[in-house]
Amino acid sequence: CIMGDELVGERILDAAGSEFDITDL
């Protein structure tokens, strides 16, 4: 359920609906 043109980091943040440091995750 992911579009190929989405970026990895953007997708995780869009799913969260919040801004946070996703580096460790």
mmCIF file of all heavy atoms, coordinates in Angstrom:
data_MODEL
# 
_entry.id   MODEL 
# 
loop_
_atom_site.group_PDB 
_atom_site.id 
_atom_site.type_symbol 
_atom_site.label_atom_id 
_atom_site.label_alt_id 
_atom_site.label_comp_id 
_atom_site.label_asym_id 
_atom_site.label_entity_id 
_atom_site.label_seq_id 
_atom_site.pdbx_PDB_ins_code 
_atom_site.Cartn_x 
_atom_site.Cartn_y 
_atom_site.Cartn_z 
_atom_site.occupancy 
_atom_site.B_iso_or_equiv 
_atom_site.pdbx_formal_charge 
_atom_site.auth_seq_id 
_atom_site.auth_comp_id 
_atom_site.auth_asym_id 
_atom_site.auth_atom_id 
_atom_site.pdbx_PDB_model_num 
ATOM 1   N N   . CYS A 1 1  ? 0.819  -1.221 0.000  1.00 0.00 ? 1  CYS A N   1 
ATOM 2   C CA  . CYS A 1 1  ? 0.000  0.000  0.000  1.00 0.00 ? 1  CYS A CA  1 
ATOM 3   C C   . CYS A 1 1  ? 0.853  1.272  0.000  1.00 0.00 ? 1  CYS A C   1 
ATOM 4   O O   . CYS A 1 1  ? 0.506  2.266  0.648  1.00 0.00 ? 1  CYS A O   1 
ATOM 5   C CB  . CYS A 1 1  ? -0.962 0.017  1.187  1.00 0.00 ? 1  CYS A CB  1 
ATOM 6   S SG  . CYS A 1 1  ? -2.106 -1.361 1.229  1.00 0.00 ? 1  CYS A SG  1 
ATOM 7   N N   . ILE A 1 2  ? 1.980  1.234  -0.701 1.00 0.00 ? 2  ILE A N   1 
ATOM 8   C CA  . ILE A 1 2  ? 2.870  2.392  -0.777 1.00 0.00 ? 2  ILE A CA  1 
ATOM 9   C C   . ILE A 1 2  ? 3.108  2.747  -2.238 1.00 0.00 ? 2  ILE A C   1 
ATOM 10  O O   . ILE A 1 2  ? 3.348  1.870  -3.065 1.00 0.00 ? 2  ILE A O   1 
ATOM 11  C CB  . ILE A 1 2  ? 4.234  2.113  -0.109 1.00 0.00 ? 2  ILE A CB  1 
ATOM 12  C CG1 . ILE A 1 2  ? 4.046  1.555  1.295  1.00 0.00 ? 2  ILE A CG1 1 
ATOM 13  C CG2 . ILE A 1 2  ? 5.070  3.389  -0.053 1.00 0.00 ? 2  ILE A CG2 1 
ATOM 14  C CD1 . ILE A 1 2  ? 5.342  1.183  1.972  1.00 0.00 ? 2  ILE A CD1 1 
ATOM 15  N N   . MET A 1 3  ? 3.049  4.022  -2.545 1.00 0.00 ? 3  MET A N   1 
ATOM 16  C CA  . MET A 1 3  ? 3.379  4.489  -3.884 1.00 0.00 ? 3  MET A CA  1 
ATOM 17  C C   . MET A 1 3  ? 4.892  4.513  -4.056 1.00 0.00 ? 3  MET A C   1 
ATOM 18  O O   . MET A 1 3  ? 5.623  4.930  -3.146 1.00 0.00 ? 3  MET A O   1 
ATOM 19  C CB  . MET A 1 3  ? 2.788  5.882  -4.118 1.00 0.00 ? 3  MET A CB  1 
ATOM 20  C CG  . MET A 1 3  ? 1.274  5.909  -4.158 1.00 0.00 ? 3  MET A CG  1 
ATOM 21  S SD  . MET A 1 3  ? 0.592  7.585  -4.224 1.00 0.00 ? 3  MET A SD  1 
ATOM 22  C CE  . MET A 1 3  ? 0.555  8.008  -2.481 1.00 0.00 ? 3  MET A CE  1 
ATOM 23  N N   . GLY A 1 4  ? 5.355  4.080  -5.201 1.00 0.00 ? 4  GLY A N   1 
ATOM 24  C CA  . GLY A 1 4  ? 6.789  3.985  -5.444 1.00 0.00 ? 4  GLY A CA  1 
ATOM 25  C C   . GLY A 1 4  ? 7.513  5.310  -5.363 1.00 0.00 ? 4  GLY A C   1 
ATOM 26  O O   . GLY A 1 4  ? 8.721  5.347  -5.079 1.00 0.00 ? 4  GLY A O   1 
ATOM 27  N N   . ASP A 1 5  ? 6.807  6.429  -5.585 1.00 0.00 ? 5  ASP A N   1 
ATOM 28  C CA  . ASP A 1 5  ? 7.447  7.740  -5.568 1.00 0.00 ? 5  ASP A CA  1 
ATOM 29  C C   . ASP A 1 5  ? 7.459  8.380  -4.188 1.00 0.00 ? 5  ASP A C   1 
ATOM 30  O O   . ASP A 1 5  ? 7.977  9.489  -4.027 1.00 0.00 ? 5  ASP A O   1 
ATOM 31  C CB  . ASP A 1 5  ? 6.750  8.676  -6.562 1.00 0.00 ? 5  ASP A CB  1 
ATOM 32  C CG  . ASP A 1 5  ? 7.072  8.322  -8.002 1.00 0.00 ? 5  ASP A CG  1 
ATOM 33  O OD1 . ASP A 1 5  ? 8.251  8.379  -8.364 1.00 0.00 ? 5  ASP A OD1 1 
ATOM 34  O OD2 . ASP A 1 5  ? 6.149  7.957  -8.753 1.00 0.00 ? 5  ASP A OD2 1 
ATOM 35  N N   . GLU A 1 6  ? 6.894  7.725  -3.188 1.00 0.00 ? 6  GLU A N   1 
ATOM 36  C CA  . GLU A 1 6  ? 7.004  8.234  -1.824 1.00 0.00 ? 6  GLU A CA  1 
ATOM 37  C C   . GLU A 1 6  ? 8.429  8.010  -1.310 1.00 0.00 ? 6  GLU A C   1 
ATOM 38  O O   . GLU A 1 6  ? 9.071  7.012  -1.636 1.00 0.00 ? 6  GLU A O   1 
ATOM 39  C CB  . GLU A 1 6  ? 6.013  7.520  -0.902 1.00 0.00 ? 6  GLU A CB  1 
ATOM 40  C CG  . GLU A 1 6  ? 4.556  7.831  -1.188 1.00 0.00 ? 6  GLU A CG  1 
ATOM 41  C CD  . GLU A 1 6  ? 3.626  7.165  -0.206 1.00 0.00 ? 6  GLU A CD  1 
ATOM 42  O OE1 . GLU A 1 6  ? 3.492  7.681  0.929  1.00 0.00 ? 6  GLU A OE1 1 
ATOM 43  O OE2 . GLU A 1 6  ? 3.027  6.127  -0.559 1.00 0.00 ? 6  GLU A OE2 1 
ATOM 44  N N   . LEU A 1 7  ? 8.907  8.907  -0.484 1.00 0.00 ? 7  LEU A N   1 
ATOM 45  C CA  . LEU A 1 7  ? 10.208 8.744  0.153  1.00 0.00 ? 7  LEU A CA  1 
ATOM 46  C C   . LEU A 1 7  ? 10.035 8.006  1.476  1.00 0.00 ? 7  LEU A C   1 
ATOM 47  O O   . LEU A 1 7  ? 9.007  8.155  2.147  1.00 0.00 ? 7  LEU A O   1 
ATOM 48  C CB  . LEU A 1 7  ? 10.871 10.097 0.397  1.00 0.00 ? 7  LEU A CB  1 
ATOM 49  C CG  . LEU A 1 7  ? 11.108 10.993 -0.825 1.00 0.00 ? 7  LEU A CG  1 
ATOM 50  C CD1 . LEU A 1 7  ? 11.893 12.238 -0.421 1.00 0.00 ? 7  LEU A CD1 1 
ATOM 51  C CD2 . LEU A 1 7  ? 11.830 10.243 -1.930 1.00 0.00 ? 7  LEU A CD2 1 
ATOM 52  N N   . VAL A 1 8  ? 11.031 7.231  1.850  1.00 0.00 ? 8  VAL A N   1 
ATOM 53  C CA  . VAL A 1 8  ? 10.942 6.403  3.055  1.00 0.00 ? 8  VAL A CA  1 
ATOM 54  C C   . VAL A 1 8  ? 10.632 7.249  4.287  1.00 0.00 ? 8  VAL A C   1 
ATOM 55  O O   . VAL A 1 8  ? 9.687  6.983  5.037  1.00 0.00 ? 8  VAL A O   1 
ATOM 56  C CB  . VAL A 1 8  ? 12.239 5.604  3.265  1.00 0.00 ? 8  VAL A CB  1 
ATOM 57  C CG1 . VAL A 1 8  ? 12.230 4.904  4.624  1.00 0.00 ? 8  VAL A CG1 1 
ATOM 58  C CG2 . VAL A 1 8  ? 12.426 4.588  2.149  1.00 0.00 ? 8  VAL A CG2 1 
ATOM 59  N N   . GLY A 1 9  ? 11.431 8.289  4.518  1.00 0.00 ? 9  GLY A N   1 
ATOM 60  C CA  . GLY A 1 9  ? 11.228 9.136  5.688  1.00 0.00 ? 9  GLY A CA  1 
ATOM 61  C C   . GLY A 1 9  ? 9.885  9.833  5.678  1.00 0.00 ? 9  GLY A C   1 
ATOM 62  O O   . GLY A 1 9  ? 9.198  9.915  6.707  1.00 0.00 ? 9  GLY A O   1 
ATOM 63  N N   . GLU A 1 10 ? 9.503  10.347 4.519  1.00 0.00 ? 10 GLU A N   1 
ATOM 64  C CA  . GLU A 1 10 ? 8.218  11.026 4.396  1.00 0.00 ? 10 GLU A CA  1 
ATOM 65  C C   . GLU A 1 10 ? 7.063  10.091 4.709  1.00 0.00 ? 10 GLU A C   1 
ATOM 66  O O   . GLU A 1 10 ? 6.102  10.469 5.377  1.00 0.00 ? 10 GLU A O   1 
ATOM 67  C CB  . GLU A 1 10 ? 8.053  11.586 2.980  1.00 0.00 ? 10 GLU A CB  1 
ATOM 68  C CG  . GLU A 1 10 ? 8.871  12.821 2.684  1.00 0.00 ? 10 GLU A CG  1 
ATOM 69  C CD  . GLU A 1 10 ? 8.611  13.364 1.298  1.00 0.00 ? 10 GLU A CD  1 
ATOM 70  O OE1 . GLU A 1 10 ? 7.861  12.717 0.529  1.00 0.00 ? 10 GLU A OE1 1 
ATOM 71  O OE2 . GLU A 1 10 ? 9.158  14.430 0.975  1.00 0.00 ? 10 GLU A OE2 1 
ATOM 72  N N   . ARG A 1 11 ? 7.143  8.871  4.216  1.00 0.00 ? 11 ARG A N   1 
ATOM 73  C CA  . ARG A 1 11 ? 6.057  7.916  4.427  1.00 0.00 ? 11 ARG A CA  1 
ATOM 74  C C   . ARG A 1 11 ? 5.839  7.637  5.915  1.00 0.00 ? 11 ARG A C   1 
ATOM 75  O O   . ARG A 1 11 ? 4.695  7.620  6.397  1.00 0.00 ? 11 ARG A O   1 
ATOM 76  C CB  . ARG A 1 11 ? 6.370  6.616  3.689  1.00 0.00 ? 11 ARG A CB  1 
ATOM 77  C CG  . ARG A 1 11 ? 5.464  5.442  4.046  1.00 0.00 ? 11 ARG A CG  1 
ATOM 78  C CD  . ARG A 1 11 ? 4.024  5.683  3.631  1.00 0.00 ? 11 ARG A CD  1 
ATOM 79  N NE  . ARG A 1 11 ? 3.211  4.516  3.907  1.00 0.00 ? 11 ARG A NE  1 
ATOM 80  C CZ  . ARG A 1 11 ? 2.161  4.143  3.199  1.00 0.00 ? 11 ARG A CZ  1 
ATOM 81  N NH1 . ARG A 1 11 ? 1.777  4.879  2.173  1.00 0.00 ? 11 ARG A NH1 1 
ATOM 82  N NH2 . ARG A 1 11 ? 1.484  3.061  3.507  1.00 0.00 ? 11 ARG A NH2 1 
ATOM 83  N N   . ILE A 1 12 ? 6.912  7.430  6.666  1.00 0.00 ? 12 ILE A N   1 
ATOM 84  C CA  . ILE A 1 12 ? 6.786  7.138  8.092  1.00 0.00 ? 12 ILE A CA  1 
ATOM 85  C C   . ILE A 1 12 ? 6.181  8.335  8.826  1.00 0.00 ? 12 ILE A C   1 
ATOM 86  O O   . ILE A 1 12 ? 5.292  8.184  9.672  1.00 0.00 ? 12 ILE A O   1 
ATOM 87  C CB  . ILE A 1 12 ? 8.150  6.778  8.708  1.00 0.00 ? 12 ILE A CB  1 
ATOM 88  C CG1 . ILE A 1 12 ? 8.801  5.605  7.960  1.00 0.00 ? 12 ILE A CG1 1 
ATOM 89  C CG2 . ILE A 1 12 ? 7.988  6.456  10.186 1.00 0.00 ? 12 ILE A CG2 1 
ATOM 90  C CD1 . ILE A 1 12 ? 7.987  4.343  7.939  1.00 0.00 ? 12 ILE A CD1 1 
ATOM 91  N N   . LEU A 1 13 ? 6.632  9.535  8.493  1.00 0.00 ? 13 LEU A N   1 
ATOM 92  C CA  . LEU A 1 13 ? 6.113  10.729 9.150  1.00 0.00 ? 13 LEU A CA  1 
ATOM 93  C C   . LEU A 1 13 ? 4.662  10.997 8.768  1.00 0.00 ? 13 LEU A C   1 
ATOM 94  O O   . LEU A 1 13 ? 3.857  11.428 9.604  1.00 0.00 ? 13 LEU A O   1 
ATOM 95  C CB  . LEU A 1 13 ? 6.987  11.937 8.804  1.00 0.00 ? 13 LEU A CB  1 
ATOM 96  C CG  . LEU A 1 13 ? 8.408  11.912 9.375  1.00 0.00 ? 13 LEU A CG  1 
ATOM 97  C CD1 . LEU A 1 13 ? 9.218  13.097 8.839  1.00 0.00 ? 13 LEU A CD1 1 
ATOM 98  C CD2 . LEU A 1 13 ? 8.387  11.934 10.898 1.00 0.00 ? 13 LEU A CD2 1 
ATOM 99  N N   . ASP A 1 14 ? 4.306  10.751 7.503  1.00 0.00 ? 14 ASP A N   1 
ATOM 100 C CA  . ASP A 1 14 ? 2.916  10.917 7.076  1.00 0.00 ? 14 ASP A CA  1 
ATOM 101 C C   . ASP A 1 14 ? 2.007  9.935  7.814  1.00 0.00 ? 14 ASP A C   1 
ATOM 102 O O   . ASP A 1 14 ? 0.875  10.268 8.189  1.00 0.00 ? 14 ASP A O   1 
ATOM 103 C CB  . ASP A 1 14 ? 2.787  10.707 5.568  1.00 0.00 ? 14 ASP A CB  1 
ATOM 104 C CG  . ASP A 1 14 ? 3.358  11.857 4.757  1.00 0.00 ? 14 ASP A CG  1 
ATOM 105 O OD1 . ASP A 1 14 ? 3.393  12.985 5.290  1.00 0.00 ? 14 ASP A OD1 1 
ATOM 106 O OD2 . ASP A 1 14 ? 3.764  11.633 3.601  1.00 0.00 ? 14 ASP A OD2 1 
ATOM 107 N N   . ALA A 1 15 ? 2.494  8.704  8.019  1.00 0.00 ? 15 ALA A N   1 
ATOM 108 C CA  . ALA A 1 15 ? 1.713  7.704  8.746  1.00 0.00 ? 15 ALA A CA  1 
ATOM 109 C C   . ALA A 1 15 ? 1.541  8.109  10.209 1.00 0.00 ? 15 ALA A C   1 
ATOM 110 O O   . ALA A 1 15 ? 0.487  7.883  10.808 1.00 0.00 ? 15 ALA A O   1 
ATOM 111 C CB  . ALA A 1 15 ? 2.389  6.343  8.659  1.00 0.00 ? 15 ALA A CB  1 
ATOM 112 N N   . ALA A 1 16 ? 2.577  8.717  10.771 1.00 0.00 ? 16 ALA A N   1 
ATOM 113 C CA  . ALA A 1 16 ? 2.509  9.152  12.165 1.00 0.00 ? 16 ALA A CA  1 
ATOM 114 C C   . ALA A 1 16 ? 1.626  10.377 12.333 1.00 0.00 ? 16 ALA A C   1 
ATOM 115 O O   . ALA A 1 16 ? 0.958  10.550 13.353 1.00 0.00 ? 16 ALA A O   1 
ATOM 116 C CB  . ALA A 1 16 ? 3.913  9.449  12.684 1.00 0.00 ? 16 ALA A CB  1 
ATOM 117 N N   . GLY A 1 17 ? 1.635  11.246 11.320 1.00 0.00 ? 17 GLY A N   1 
ATOM 118 C CA  . GLY A 1 17 ? 0.872  12.490 11.417 1.00 0.00 ? 17 GLY A CA  1 
ATOM 119 C C   . GLY A 1 17 ? 1.537  13.502 12.323 1.00 0.00 ? 17 GLY A C   1 
ATOM 120 O O   . GLY A 1 17 ? 0.930  14.494 12.720 1.00 0.00 ? 17 GLY A O   1 
ATOM 121 N N   . SER A 1 18 ? 2.801  13.246 12.678 1.00 0.00 ? 18 SER A N   1 
ATOM 122 C CA  . SER A 1 18 ? 3.553  14.142 13.562 1.00 0.00 ? 18 SER A CA  1 
ATOM 123 C C   . SER A 1 18 ? 5.000  14.215 13.102 1.00 0.00 ? 18 SER A C   1 
ATOM 124 O O   . SER A 1 18 ? 5.505  13.307 12.440 1.00 0.00 ? 18 SER A O   1 
ATOM 125 C CB  . SER A 1 18 ? 3.507  13.652 15.015 1.00 0.00 ? 18 SER A CB  1 
ATOM 126 O OG  . SER A 1 18 ? 2.189  13.607 15.507 1.00 0.00 ? 18 SER A OG  1 
ATOM 127 N N   . GLU A 1 19 ? 5.659  15.300 13.484 1.00 0.00 ? 19 GLU A N   1 
ATOM 128 C CA  . GLU A 1 19 ? 7.077  15.464 13.194 1.00 0.00 ? 19 GLU A CA  1 
ATOM 129 C C   . GLU A 1 19 ? 7.899  14.941 14.369 1.00 0.00 ? 19 GLU A C   1 
ATOM 130 O O   . GLU A 1 19 ? 7.626  15.275 15.521 1.00 0.00 ? 19 GLU A O   1 
ATOM 131 C CB  . GLU A 1 19 ? 7.401  16.942 12.958 1.00 0.00 ? 19 GLU A CB  1 
ATOM 132 C CG  . GLU A 1 19 ? 6.676  17.581 11.780 1.00 0.00 ? 19 GLU A CG  1 
ATOM 133 C CD  . GLU A 1 19 ? 7.259  17.175 10.439 1.00 0.00 ? 19 GLU A CD  1 
ATOM 134 O OE1 . GLU A 1 19 ? 8.277  16.444 10.423 1.00 0.00 ? 19 GLU A OE1 1 
ATOM 135 O OE2 . GLU A 1 19 ? 6.702  17.586 9.411  1.00 0.00 ? 19 GLU A OE2 1 
ATOM 136 N N   . PHE A 1 20 ? 8.885  14.117 14.088 1.00 0.00 ? 20 PHE A N   1 
ATOM 137 C CA  . PHE A 1 20 ? 9.809  13.656 15.124 1.00 0.00 ? 20 PHE A CA  1 
ATOM 138 C C   . PHE A 1 20 ? 11.059 13.108 14.444 1.00 0.00 ? 20 PHE A C   1 
ATOM 139 O O   . PHE A 1 20 ? 11.086 12.876 13.229 1.00 0.00 ? 20 PHE A O   1 
ATOM 140 C CB  . PHE A 1 20 ? 9.166  12.607 16.026 1.00 0.00 ? 20 PHE A CB  1 
ATOM 141 C CG  . PHE A 1 20 ? 8.849  11.293 15.342 1.00 0.00 ? 20 PHE A CG  1 
ATOM 142 C CD1 . PHE A 1 20 ? 9.713  10.214 15.435 1.00 0.00 ? 20 PHE A CD1 1 
ATOM 143 C CD2 . PHE A 1 20 ? 7.680  11.143 14.609 1.00 0.00 ? 20 PHE A CD2 1 
ATOM 144 C CE1 . PHE A 1 20 ? 9.421  9.005  14.812 1.00 0.00 ? 20 PHE A CE1 1 
ATOM 145 C CE2 . PHE A 1 20 ? 7.374  9.941  13.986 1.00 0.00 ? 20 PHE A CE2 1 
ATOM 146 C CZ  . PHE A 1 20 ? 8.248  8.872  14.085 1.00 0.00 ? 20 PHE A CZ  1 
ATOM 147 N N   . ASP A 1 21 ? 12.099 12.911 15.218 1.00 0.00 ? 21 ASP A N   1 
ATOM 148 C CA  . ASP A 1 21 ? 13.359 12.393 14.698 1.00 0.00 ? 21 ASP A CA  1 
ATOM 149 C C   . ASP A 1 21 ? 13.231 10.884 14.488 1.00 0.00 ? 21 ASP A C   1 
ATOM 150 O O   . ASP A 1 21 ? 13.138 10.121 15.457 1.00 0.00 ? 21 ASP A O   1 
ATOM 151 C CB  . ASP A 1 21 ? 14.488 12.700 15.682 1.00 0.00 ? 21 ASP A CB  1 
ATOM 152 C CG  . ASP A 1 21 ? 15.864 12.313 15.132 1.00 0.00 ? 21 ASP A CG  1 
ATOM 153 O OD1 . ASP A 1 21 ? 15.933 11.782 14.001 1.00 0.00 ? 21 ASP A OD1 1 
ATOM 154 O OD2 . ASP A 1 21 ? 16.864 12.531 15.843 1.00 0.00 ? 21 ASP A OD2 1 
ATOM 155 N N   . ILE A 1 22 ? 13.211 10.460 13.227 1.00 0.00 ? 22 ILE A N   1 
ATOM 156 C CA  . ILE A 1 22 ? 12.990 9.040  12.932 1.00 0.00 ? 22 ILE A CA  1 
ATOM 157 C C   . ILE A 1 22 ? 14.303 8.285  12.721 1.00 0.00 ? 22 ILE A C   1 
ATOM 158 O O   . ILE A 1 22 ? 14.283 7.105  12.363 1.00 0.00 ? 22 ILE A O   1 
ATOM 159 C CB  . ILE A 1 22 ? 12.107 8.872  11.673 1.00 0.00 ? 22 ILE A CB  1 
ATOM 160 C CG1 . ILE A 1 22 ? 12.793 9.500  10.448 1.00 0.00 ? 22 ILE A CG1 1 
ATOM 161 C CG2 . ILE A 1 22 ? 10.738 9.476  11.891 1.00 0.00 ? 22 ILE A CG2 1 
ATOM 162 C CD1 . ILE A 1 22 ? 12.034 9.240  9.161  1.00 0.00 ? 22 ILE A CD1 1 
ATOM 163 N N   . THR A 1 23 ? 15.427 8.946  12.981 1.00 0.00 ? 23 THR A N   1 
ATOM 164 C CA  . THR A 1 23 ? 16.729 8.319  12.726 1.00 0.00 ? 23 THR A CA  1 
ATOM 165 C C   . THR A 1 23 ? 16.894 7.016  13.491 1.00 0.00 ? 23 THR A C   1 
ATOM 166 O O   . THR A 1 23 ? 17.269 5.985  12.925 1.00 0.00 ? 23 THR A O   1 
ATOM 167 C CB  . THR A 1 23 ? 17.868 9.284  13.097 1.00 0.00 ? 23 THR A CB  1 
ATOM 168 O OG1 . THR A 1 23 ? 17.683 10.524 12.411 1.00 0.00 ? 23 THR A OG1 1 
ATOM 169 C CG2 . THR A 1 23 ? 19.213 8.685  12.699 1.00 0.00 ? 23 THR A CG2 1 
ATOM 170 N N   . ASP A 1 24 ? 16.632 7.037  14.800 1.00 0.00 ? 24 ASP A N   1 
ATOM 171 C CA  . ASP A 1 24 ? 16.816 5.839  15.625 1.00 0.00 ? 24 ASP A CA  1 
ATOM 172 C C   . ASP A 1 24 ? 15.849 4.728  15.214 1.00 0.00 ? 24 ASP A C   1 
ATOM 173 O O   . ASP A 1 24 ? 16.216 3.548  15.201 1.00 0.00 ? 24 ASP A O   1 
ATOM 174 C CB  . ASP A 1 24 ? 16.625 6.180  17.105 1.00 0.00 ? 24 ASP A CB  1 
ATOM 175 C CG  . ASP A 1 24 ? 17.734 7.075  17.646 1.00 0.00 ? 24 ASP A CG  1 
ATOM 176 O OD1 . ASP A 1 24 ? 18.804 7.125  17.005 1.00 0.00 ? 24 ASP A OD1 1 
ATOM 177 O OD2 . ASP A 1 24 ? 17.520 7.718  18.686 1.00 0.00 ? 24 ASP A OD2 1 
ATOM 178 N N   . LEU A 1 25 ? 14.624 5.104  14.912 1.00 0.00 ? 25 LEU A N   1 
ATOM 179 C CA  . LEU A 1 25 ? 13.626 4.112  14.514 1.00 0.00 ? 25 LEU A CA  1 
ATOM 180 C C   . LEU A 1 25 ? 14.035 3.405  13.227 1.00 0.00 ? 25 LEU A C   1 
ATOM 181 O O   . LEU A 1 25 ? 13.974 2.172  13.132 1.00 0.00 ? 25 LEU A O   1 
ATOM 182 C CB  . LEU A 1 25 ? 12.264 4.791  14.329 1.00 0.00 ? 25 LEU A CB  1 
ATOM 183 C CG  . LEU A 1 25 ? 11.103 3.895  13.880 1.00 0.00 ? 25 LEU A CG  1 
ATOM 184 C CD1 . LEU A 1 25 ? 10.839 2.803  14.903 1.00 0.00 ? 25 LEU A CD1 1 
ATOM 185 C CD2 . LEU A 1 25 ? 9.845  4.727  13.644 1.00 0.00 ? 25 LEU A CD2 1 
# 
